[in-house]
Amino acid sequence: MYLATVMDLYSRKIIGWCLGEEMTEQLVTRAMQNAFDARNVTPNLIVHSDRGTQYRSRHYVDFLERNGVQRSMSRKGNCWDNAVMESFYSRLKVELIYAKNYQSIEDLRSGIFGYIEIFYNRKRRHSANDGMSPVEFEEAAKVA
């Protein structure tokens, strides 16, 4: 199974995600559409990704352009350019995947949902957020 995610870099909140059996342009496009549905897309929004073929596909590029989104991509072979997402996937594997033995796709989907929507976004503290979860950080920013 493959997981495509979209993170709001400001708060570290996962705002769109999609789980599928193949890492395709459709999978990443659905994850991005979920993010667009969760947030207002403003002109000149910048979306950063690695250099995977699905992120360079004509379908995905056209989708972003139709939504007024500017693309940014990591330099070839430089994982540091996408370090925040690399860190998310590292934590996901350690905190969820390696600790479980999923017997079905639905169990995995439920586990991923719980990890992202309940634990990671609402409870997991981040040093980049002054020790607050992404949801807490966004709420504090609204008040300020």
N, C-alpha and C. Protein backbone atom coordinates (compact mmCIF):
# COMPACT_ATOMS: atom_id res chain seq x y z
N MET A 1 0.84 -1.18 0.00
CA MET A 1 0.00 0.00 0.00
C MET A 1 0.88 1.24 0.00
N TYR A 2 0.34 2.30 -0.58
CA TYR A 2 1.06 3.56 -0.67
C TYR A 2 0.22 4.67 -0.06
N LEU A 3 0.88 5.58 0.62
CA LEU A 3 0.22 6.70 1.25
C LEU A 3 0.78 7.99 0.67
N ALA A 4 -0.11 8.81 0.12
CA ALA A 4 0.27 10.15 -0.35
C ALA A 4 -0.31 11.15 0.64
N THR A 5 0.51 12.09 1.07
CA THR A 5 0.08 13.06 2.08
C THR A 5 0.41 14.47 1.64
N VAL A 6 -0.37 15.41 2.15
CA VAL A 6 -0.11 16.84 1.95
C VAL A 6 -0.08 17.48 3.33
N MET A 7 1.02 18.16 3.62
CA MET A 7 1.20 18.79 4.92
C MET A 7 1.19 20.31 4.76
N ASP A 8 0.53 20.98 5.69
CA ASP A 8 0.63 22.43 5.80
C ASP A 8 1.93 22.70 6.56
N LEU A 9 2.89 23.28 5.89
CA LEU A 9 4.20 23.46 6.49
C LEU A 9 4.17 24.41 7.69
N TYR A 10 3.23 25.34 7.72
CA TYR A 10 3.14 26.28 8.83
C TYR A 10 2.88 25.56 10.15
N SER A 11 1.88 24.68 10.15
CA SER A 11 1.48 24.02 11.40
C SER A 11 1.91 22.57 11.50
N ARG A 12 2.40 22.01 10.41
CA ARG A 12 2.77 20.58 10.31
C ARG A 12 1.54 19.66 10.29
N LYS A 13 0.36 20.24 10.05
CA LYS A 13 -0.86 19.44 10.00
C LYS A 13 -0.97 18.73 8.64
N ILE A 14 -1.33 17.45 8.68
CA ILE A 14 -1.62 16.72 7.44
C ILE A 14 -3.03 17.13 7.03
N ILE A 15 -3.13 17.83 5.91
CA ILE A 15 -4.43 18.37 5.48
C ILE A 15 -5.07 17.58 4.34
N GLY A 16 -4.32 16.69 3.76
CA GLY A 16 -4.87 15.82 2.71
C GLY A 16 -4.06 14.55 2.65
N TRP A 17 -4.75 13.45 2.44
CA TRP A 17 -4.04 12.18 2.29
C TRP A 17 -4.91 11.19 1.54
N CYS A 18 -4.25 10.21 0.96
CA CYS A 18 -4.96 9.16 0.21
C CYS A 18 -4.11 7.90 0.26
N LEU A 19 -4.76 6.78 0.49
CA LEU A 19 -4.11 5.48 0.56
C LEU A 19 -4.53 4.67 -0.66
N GLY A 20 -3.57 4.02 -1.32
CA GLY A 20 -3.90 3.24 -2.50
C GLY A 20 -2.93 2.10 -2.71
N GLU A 21 -3.27 1.24 -3.65
CA GLU A 21 -2.45 0.07 -3.93
C GLU A 21 -1.28 0.36 -4.86
N GLU A 22 -1.29 1.54 -5.50
CA GLU A 22 -0.20 1.93 -6.39
C GLU A 22 0.12 3.40 -6.17
N MET A 23 1.40 3.75 -6.32
CA MET A 23 1.81 5.14 -6.21
C MET A 23 1.68 5.76 -7.60
N THR A 24 0.54 6.36 -7.85
CA THR A 24 0.22 6.89 -9.17
C THR A 24 -0.08 8.38 -9.10
N GLU A 25 -0.18 8.99 -10.26
CA GLU A 25 -0.58 10.39 -10.32
C GLU A 25 -1.99 10.58 -9.79
N GLN A 26 -2.86 9.58 -9.96
CA GLN A 26 -4.22 9.68 -9.43
C GLN A 26 -4.20 9.70 -7.90
N LEU A 27 -3.33 8.92 -7.29
CA LEU A 27 -3.25 8.87 -5.83
C LEU A 27 -2.81 10.23 -5.28
N VAL A 28 -1.76 10.80 -5.84
CA VAL A 28 -1.27 12.08 -5.33
C VAL A 28 -2.24 13.21 -5.66
N THR A 29 -2.93 13.10 -6.79
CA THR A 29 -3.94 14.11 -7.13
C THR A 29 -5.11 14.06 -6.16
N ARG A 30 -5.54 12.86 -5.79
CA ARG A 30 -6.64 12.74 -4.81
C ARG A 30 -6.22 13.30 -3.45
N ALA A 31 -4.99 13.03 -3.04
CA ALA A 31 -4.50 13.58 -1.77
C ALA A 31 -4.50 15.11 -1.83
N MET A 32 -4.05 15.65 -2.95
CA MET A 32 -4.02 17.11 -3.09
C MET A 32 -5.43 17.69 -3.16
N GLN A 33 -6.35 17.00 -3.83
CA GLN A 33 -7.73 17.47 -3.87
C GLN A 33 -8.33 17.48 -2.47
N ASN A 34 -8.02 16.47 -1.68
CA ASN A 34 -8.49 16.44 -0.29
C ASN A 34 -7.94 17.63 0.49
N ALA A 35 -6.69 17.98 0.22
CA ALA A 35 -6.09 19.16 0.88
C ALA A 35 -6.79 20.43 0.43
N PHE A 36 -7.07 20.55 -0.86
CA PHE A 36 -7.78 21.72 -1.37
C PHE A 36 -9.16 21.83 -0.75
N ASP A 37 -9.82 20.69 -0.58
CA ASP A 37 -11.16 20.69 0.02
C ASP A 37 -11.11 21.12 1.49
N ALA A 38 -9.99 20.85 2.15
CA ALA A 38 -9.85 21.18 3.57
C ALA A 38 -9.42 22.63 3.80
N ARG A 39 -8.82 23.23 2.80
CA ARG A 39 -8.28 24.59 2.91
C ARG A 39 -8.74 25.43 1.72
N ASN A 40 -8.73 26.73 1.91
CA ASN A 40 -8.97 27.63 0.78
C ASN A 40 -7.69 27.73 -0.02
N VAL A 41 -7.77 27.46 -1.30
CA VAL A 41 -6.61 27.58 -2.17
C VAL A 41 -6.53 29.02 -2.63
N THR A 42 -5.42 29.65 -2.34
CA THR A 42 -5.23 31.03 -2.75
C THR A 42 -4.25 31.09 -3.91
N PRO A 43 -4.37 32.11 -4.74
CA PRO A 43 -3.42 32.23 -5.86
C PRO A 43 -1.99 32.26 -5.34
N ASN A 44 -1.10 31.65 -6.10
CA ASN A 44 0.33 31.59 -5.80
C ASN A 44 0.66 30.69 -4.61
N LEU A 45 -0.26 29.83 -4.22
CA LEU A 45 0.06 28.81 -3.23
C LEU A 45 1.21 27.99 -3.78
N ILE A 46 2.16 27.64 -2.93
CA ILE A 46 3.31 26.84 -3.35
C ILE A 46 3.17 25.44 -2.77
N VAL A 47 3.29 24.44 -3.62
CA VAL A 47 3.26 23.04 -3.22
C VAL A 47 4.62 22.44 -3.52
N HIS A 48 5.24 21.88 -2.49
CA HIS A 48 6.56 21.27 -2.64
C HIS A 48 6.44 19.75 -2.61
N SER A 49 7.22 19.09 -3.43
CA SER A 49 7.23 17.62 -3.44
C SER A 49 8.62 17.14 -3.79
N ASP A 50 8.78 15.82 -3.70
CA ASP A 50 10.02 15.24 -4.20
C ASP A 50 9.91 15.14 -5.72
N ARG A 51 10.85 14.46 -6.35
CA ARG A 51 10.89 14.42 -7.81
C ARG A 51 10.27 13.15 -8.40
N GLY A 52 9.41 12.48 -7.63
CA GLY A 52 8.77 11.26 -8.12
C GLY A 52 8.02 11.51 -9.42
N THR A 53 7.96 10.49 -10.26
CA THR A 53 7.33 10.65 -11.58
C THR A 53 5.87 11.07 -11.47
N GLN A 54 5.18 10.61 -10.42
CA GLN A 54 3.78 10.98 -10.27
C GLN A 54 3.62 12.48 -10.04
N TYR A 55 4.61 13.13 -9.42
CA TYR A 55 4.55 14.57 -9.17
C TYR A 55 4.98 15.39 -10.38
N ARG A 56 5.58 14.71 -11.37
CA ARG A 56 5.99 15.38 -12.61
C ARG A 56 5.05 15.05 -13.77
N SER A 57 4.05 14.23 -13.52
CA SER A 57 3.16 13.81 -14.60
C SER A 57 2.33 14.98 -15.14
N ARG A 58 2.00 14.93 -16.38
CA ARG A 58 1.22 15.98 -17.03
C ARG A 58 -0.13 16.15 -16.33
N HIS A 59 -0.77 15.06 -15.96
CA HIS A 59 -2.08 15.12 -15.28
C HIS A 59 -1.98 15.91 -13.97
N TYR A 60 -1.00 15.61 -13.16
CA TYR A 60 -0.84 16.27 -11.87
C TYR A 60 -0.43 17.73 -12.05
N VAL A 61 0.51 17.98 -12.95
CA VAL A 61 0.95 19.36 -13.21
C VAL A 61 -0.22 20.21 -13.70
N ASP A 62 -1.01 19.66 -14.63
CA ASP A 62 -2.19 20.39 -15.13
C ASP A 62 -3.19 20.66 -14.00
N PHE A 63 -3.38 19.67 -13.13
CA PHE A 63 -4.29 19.83 -12.00
C PHE A 63 -3.86 21.00 -11.12
N LEU A 64 -2.57 21.06 -10.79
CA LEU A 64 -2.07 22.17 -9.98
C LEU A 64 -2.22 23.50 -10.69
N GLU A 65 -1.89 23.53 -11.97
CA GLU A 65 -2.00 24.78 -12.73
C GLU A 65 -3.44 25.27 -12.80
N ARG A 66 -4.38 24.36 -13.00
CA ARG A 66 -5.80 24.76 -13.03
C ARG A 66 -6.24 25.38 -11.72
N ASN A 67 -5.58 25.00 -10.64
CA ASN A 67 -5.92 25.53 -9.32
C ASN A 67 -5.02 26.69 -8.90
N GLY A 68 -4.21 27.20 -9.83
CA GLY A 68 -3.37 28.37 -9.55
C GLY A 68 -2.24 28.12 -8.59
N VAL A 69 -1.75 26.88 -8.56
CA VAL A 69 -0.71 26.48 -7.62
C VAL A 69 0.65 26.49 -8.31
N GLN A 70 1.65 27.02 -7.61
CA GLN A 70 3.03 26.98 -8.08
C GLN A 70 3.70 25.72 -7.55
N ARG A 71 4.49 25.08 -8.39
CA ARG A 71 5.18 23.86 -7.98
C ARG A 71 6.60 24.16 -7.53
N SER A 72 7.04 23.39 -6.55
CA SER A 72 8.42 23.42 -6.08
C SER A 72 8.83 21.97 -5.91
N MET A 73 10.05 21.64 -6.33
CA MET A 73 10.52 20.27 -6.22
C MET A 73 11.89 20.21 -5.58
N SER A 74 12.12 19.13 -4.88
CA SER A 74 13.43 18.89 -4.28
C SER A 74 14.49 18.78 -5.36
N ARG A 75 15.70 19.12 -4.99
CA ARG A 75 16.81 18.90 -5.90
C ARG A 75 17.06 17.39 -6.03
N LYS A 76 17.56 16.98 -7.14
CA LYS A 76 17.82 15.56 -7.39
C LYS A 76 18.75 14.99 -6.33
N GLY A 77 18.28 13.92 -5.68
CA GLY A 77 19.10 13.21 -4.71
C GLY A 77 19.31 13.94 -3.40
N ASN A 78 18.49 14.96 -3.11
CA ASN A 78 18.69 15.73 -1.88
C ASN A 78 17.48 15.58 -0.98
N CYS A 79 17.54 14.63 -0.05
CA CYS A 79 16.41 14.37 0.84
C CYS A 79 16.17 15.53 1.81
N TRP A 80 17.18 16.37 2.03
CA TRP A 80 17.05 17.48 2.97
C TRP A 80 16.03 18.51 2.49
N ASP A 81 15.81 18.60 1.17
CA ASP A 81 14.84 19.55 0.63
C ASP A 81 13.42 19.21 1.04
N ASN A 82 13.19 17.97 1.39
CA ASN A 82 11.84 17.51 1.76
C ASN A 82 11.88 16.90 3.17
N ALA A 83 12.72 17.45 4.02
CA ALA A 83 13.00 16.86 5.33
C ALA A 83 11.76 16.77 6.22
N VAL A 84 10.86 17.72 6.13
CA VAL A 84 9.68 17.70 7.00
C VAL A 84 8.80 16.48 6.67
N MET A 85 8.61 16.19 5.40
CA MET A 85 7.81 15.02 5.03
C MET A 85 8.57 13.72 5.32
N GLU A 86 9.88 13.73 5.09
CA GLU A 86 10.68 12.56 5.43
C GLU A 86 10.55 12.24 6.92
N SER A 87 10.55 13.28 7.74
CA SER A 87 10.39 13.10 9.18
C SER A 87 9.00 12.54 9.52
N PHE A 88 7.96 13.07 8.85
CA PHE A 88 6.61 12.55 9.09
C PHE A 88 6.56 11.05 8.80
N TYR A 89 7.07 10.63 7.66
CA TYR A 89 7.00 9.21 7.29
C TYR A 89 7.86 8.36 8.22
N SER A 90 8.96 8.89 8.68
CA SER A 90 9.78 8.15 9.65
C SER A 90 8.99 7.91 10.93
N ARG A 91 8.33 8.94 11.45
CA ARG A 91 7.54 8.81 12.68
C ARG A 91 6.34 7.88 12.46
N LEU A 92 5.69 7.99 11.32
CA LEU A 92 4.55 7.11 11.00
C LEU A 92 4.98 5.64 11.06
N LYS A 93 6.12 5.35 10.47
CA LYS A 93 6.59 3.97 10.45
C LYS A 93 6.91 3.47 11.86
N VAL A 94 7.61 4.30 12.64
CA VAL A 94 8.01 3.90 13.99
C VAL A 94 6.80 3.82 14.92
N GLU A 95 5.94 4.82 14.87
CA GLU A 95 4.83 4.92 15.82
C GLU A 95 3.61 4.09 15.45
N LEU A 96 3.50 3.68 14.18
CA LEU A 96 2.31 2.93 13.77
C LEU A 96 2.64 1.65 13.02
N ILE A 97 3.29 1.76 11.91
CA ILE A 97 3.44 0.62 10.99
C ILE A 97 4.24 -0.52 11.61
N TYR A 98 5.42 -0.24 12.16
CA TYR A 98 6.26 -1.30 12.71
C TYR A 98 5.65 -1.94 13.95
N ALA A 99 4.76 -1.22 14.62
CA ALA A 99 4.16 -1.71 15.86
C ALA A 99 2.93 -2.59 15.62
N LYS A 100 2.45 -2.65 14.40
CA LYS A 100 1.21 -3.39 14.09
C LYS A 100 1.48 -4.49 13.07
N ASN A 101 0.56 -5.41 13.02
CA ASN A 101 0.59 -6.46 12.00
C ASN A 101 -0.78 -6.46 11.33
N TYR A 102 -0.95 -5.58 10.38
CA TYR A 102 -2.26 -5.42 9.74
C TYR A 102 -2.63 -6.65 8.92
N GLN A 103 -3.87 -7.10 9.10
CA GLN A 103 -4.36 -8.29 8.43
C GLN A 103 -5.20 -7.99 7.20
N SER A 104 -5.61 -6.72 7.06
CA SER A 104 -6.43 -6.36 5.89
C SER A 104 -6.18 -4.91 5.53
N ILE A 105 -6.57 -4.58 4.31
CA ILE A 105 -6.45 -3.20 3.85
C ILE A 105 -7.33 -2.28 4.68
N GLU A 106 -8.50 -2.74 5.06
CA GLU A 106 -9.39 -1.91 5.88
C GLU A 106 -8.81 -1.65 7.26
N ASP A 107 -8.14 -2.65 7.84
CA ASP A 107 -7.46 -2.43 9.13
C ASP A 107 -6.36 -1.39 8.97
N LEU A 108 -5.60 -1.48 7.89
CA LEU A 108 -4.55 -0.51 7.63
C LEU A 108 -5.14 0.88 7.43
N ARG A 109 -6.19 0.98 6.63
CA ARG A 109 -6.84 2.27 6.36
C ARG A 109 -7.32 2.89 7.68
N SER A 110 -7.92 2.08 8.53
CA SER A 110 -8.40 2.56 9.82
C SER A 110 -7.23 3.01 10.71
N GLY A 111 -6.14 2.26 10.68
CA GLY A 111 -4.96 2.62 11.46
C GLY A 111 -4.35 3.93 10.98
N ILE A 112 -4.25 4.09 9.67
CA ILE A 112 -3.71 5.33 9.10
C ILE A 112 -4.61 6.50 9.46
N PHE A 113 -5.93 6.32 9.32
CA PHE A 113 -6.88 7.38 9.68
C PHE A 113 -6.68 7.80 11.14
N GLY A 114 -6.64 6.83 12.04
CA GLY A 114 -6.48 7.13 13.45
C GLY A 114 -5.17 7.84 13.74
N TYR A 115 -4.10 7.39 13.08
CA TYR A 115 -2.80 8.00 13.31
C TYR A 115 -2.80 9.46 12.86
N ILE A 116 -3.26 9.71 11.63
CA ILE A 116 -3.20 11.07 11.08
C ILE A 116 -4.24 11.98 11.72
N GLU A 117 -5.50 11.57 11.66
CA GLU A 117 -6.59 12.47 12.03
C GLU A 117 -6.78 12.62 13.54
N ILE A 118 -6.44 11.60 14.29
CA ILE A 118 -6.66 11.67 15.74
C ILE A 118 -5.36 11.93 16.48
N PHE A 119 -4.33 11.12 16.23
CA PHE A 119 -3.09 11.27 16.99
C PHE A 119 -2.20 12.39 16.44
N TYR A 120 -1.74 12.26 15.20
CA TYR A 120 -0.74 13.18 14.67
C TYR A 120 -1.24 14.63 14.63
N ASN A 121 -2.40 14.87 14.06
CA ASN A 121 -2.90 16.24 13.93
C ASN A 121 -3.38 16.85 15.24
N ARG A 122 -3.92 16.03 16.13
CA ARG A 122 -4.57 16.58 17.33
C ARG A 122 -3.80 16.39 18.64
N LYS A 123 -2.92 15.40 18.69
CA LYS A 123 -2.25 15.10 19.97
C LYS A 123 -0.74 15.18 19.92
N ARG A 124 -0.15 14.80 18.82
CA ARG A 124 1.32 14.72 18.76
C ARG A 124 1.94 16.11 18.81
N ARG A 125 2.82 16.29 19.77
CA ARG A 125 3.48 17.58 19.94
C ARG A 125 4.65 17.72 18.98
N HIS A 126 4.88 18.95 18.54
CA HIS A 126 5.97 19.23 17.60
C HIS A 126 6.85 20.35 18.14
N SER A 127 8.13 20.15 18.09
CA SER A 127 9.04 21.21 18.56
C SER A 127 8.91 22.46 17.69
N ALA A 128 8.61 22.29 16.41
CA ALA A 128 8.43 23.44 15.51
C ALA A 128 7.18 24.25 15.88
N ASN A 129 6.28 23.65 16.66
CA ASN A 129 5.03 24.31 17.07
C ASN A 129 5.06 24.69 18.55
N ASP A 130 6.24 24.95 19.07
CA ASP A 130 6.37 25.29 20.49
C ASP A 130 5.74 24.23 21.39
N GLY A 131 5.88 22.98 21.01
CA GLY A 131 5.38 21.87 21.81
C GLY A 131 3.89 21.61 21.70
N MET A 132 3.24 22.24 20.74
CA MET A 132 1.80 22.03 20.53
C MET A 132 1.56 21.10 19.36
N SER A 133 0.38 20.48 19.35
CA SER A 133 -0.03 19.68 18.19
C SER A 133 -0.35 20.64 17.04
N PRO A 134 -0.41 20.14 15.82
CA PRO A 134 -0.78 21.01 14.71
C PRO A 134 -2.12 21.72 14.90
N VAL A 135 -3.13 21.01 15.39
CA VAL A 135 -4.44 21.64 15.59
C VAL A 135 -4.35 22.71 16.67
N GLU A 136 -3.67 22.43 17.78
CA GLU A 136 -3.51 23.43 18.84
C GLU A 136 -2.75 24.65 18.33
N PHE A 137 -1.73 24.42 17.51
CA PHE A 137 -0.93 25.51 16.98
C PHE A 137 -1.77 26.41 16.07
N GLU A 138 -2.59 25.80 15.23
CA GLU A 138 -3.45 26.59 14.35
C GLU A 138 -4.49 27.38 15.15
N GLU A 139 -5.04 26.76 16.18
CA GLU A 139 -6.02 27.46 17.04
C GLU A 139 -5.36 28.64 17.75
N ALA A 140 -4.16 28.45 18.24
CA ALA A 140 -3.44 29.55 18.91
C ALA A 140 -3.14 30.68 17.94
N ALA A 141 -2.82 30.33 16.69
CA ALA A 141 -2.54 31.35 15.69
C ALA A 141 -3.79 32.16 15.34
N LYS A 142 -4.95 31.53 15.36
CA LYS A 142 -6.21 32.24 15.10
C LYS A 142 -6.48 33.29 16.17
N VAL A 143 -6.19 32.93 17.41
CA VAL A 143 -6.41 33.84 18.53
C VAL A 143 -5.46 35.03 18.47
N ALA A 144 -4.23 34.73 18.10
CA ALA A 144 -3.20 35.79 18.02
C ALA A 144 -3.51 36.65 16.84
